[in-house]
Amino acid sequence: MELTINGKVENLEVSTVMDVLKAKDIDPQLVAVEVNTEMIDQENLGTTSLKENDKLEFLFFMGGGA
């Protein structure tokens, strides 16, 4: 399935948001996910289905500061 992830077109064999996170080895606890401009709750990552040409944005939590 062709998806746009953080602005980059990728072809992945996935059906849910959680499948994408697993395929890309991303810890779901360390990322916020937006699908077609809609934020997805953590508890819905495994049940949110994807379709051809969906646009995903991953926002990563980072520590730091002074």
Protein backbone atom coordinates (compact mmCIF):
# COMPACT_ATOMS: atom_id res chain seq x y z
CA MET A 1 0.00 0.00 0.00
CA GLU A 2 1.32 3.44 -0.88
CA LEU A 3 1.38 5.83 2.08
CA THR A 4 2.95 9.22 2.65
CA ILE A 5 4.84 9.20 5.94
CA ASN A 6 6.26 12.52 7.15
CA GLY A 7 6.18 13.78 3.57
CA LYS A 8 7.89 10.74 2.02
CA VAL A 9 5.98 8.26 -0.17
CA GLU A 10 6.51 4.67 0.98
CA ASN A 11 5.11 1.28 -0.03
CA LEU A 12 4.34 -0.95 2.95
CA GLU A 13 2.29 -4.11 3.43
CA VAL A 14 0.23 -2.87 6.39
CA SER A 15 -3.40 -2.47 7.36
CA THR A 16 -3.32 -0.42 10.60
CA VAL A 17 -1.31 2.40 12.12
CA MET A 18 0.23 -0.07 14.60
CA ASP A 19 1.41 -2.20 11.65
CA VAL A 20 3.28 0.83 10.29
CA LEU A 21 4.91 1.52 13.65
CA LYS A 22 6.03 -2.12 13.92
CA ALA A 23 7.32 -2.17 10.33
CA LYS A 24 9.38 0.94 11.02
CA ASP A 25 10.49 -0.27 14.49
CA ILE A 26 8.92 2.73 16.27
CA ASP A 27 7.89 2.48 19.92
CA PRO A 28 4.23 3.58 20.04
CA GLN A 29 4.80 5.12 23.48
CA LEU A 30 7.30 7.60 22.05
CA VAL A 31 5.27 8.98 19.15
CA ALA A 32 2.07 10.87 18.43
CA VAL A 33 0.39 9.89 15.17
CA GLU A 34 -1.72 11.92 12.79
CA VAL A 35 -3.58 10.30 9.87
CA ASN A 36 -4.93 12.66 7.22
CA THR A 37 -4.67 15.59 9.70
CA GLU A 38 -6.55 13.72 12.48
CA MET A 39 -4.72 12.84 15.70
CA ILE A 40 -5.05 9.16 16.65
CA ASP A 41 -5.37 8.21 20.33
CA GLN A 42 -2.75 5.73 21.59
CA GLU A 43 -5.43 3.13 22.38
CA ASN A 44 -6.68 3.25 18.76
CA LEU A 45 -3.37 2.67 16.96
CA GLY A 46 -4.09 -1.03 16.48
CA THR A 47 -7.65 -0.49 15.26
CA THR A 48 -7.18 2.51 12.98
CA SER A 49 -7.30 1.12 9.44
CA LEU A 50 -5.34 2.66 6.62
CA LYS A 51 -6.14 2.96 2.95
CA GLU A 52 -4.13 3.66 -0.19
CA ASN A 53 -2.61 7.17 -0.29
CA ASP A 54 -3.27 8.01 3.38
CA LYS A 55 -0.95 10.64 4.84
CA LEU A 56 0.67 9.91 8.20
CA GLU A 57 2.69 12.25 10.37
CA PHE A 58 4.78 10.93 13.26
CA LEU A 59 5.63 13.41 16.00
CA PHE A 60 8.38 12.13 18.27
CA PHE A 61 8.78 13.03 21.93
CA MET A 62 12.30 14.12 22.83
CA GLY A 63 13.89 15.12 26.08
CA GLY A 64 16.41 17.82 26.58
CA GLY A 65 16.73 21.44 27.43
CA ALA A 66 18.92 23.54 29.60
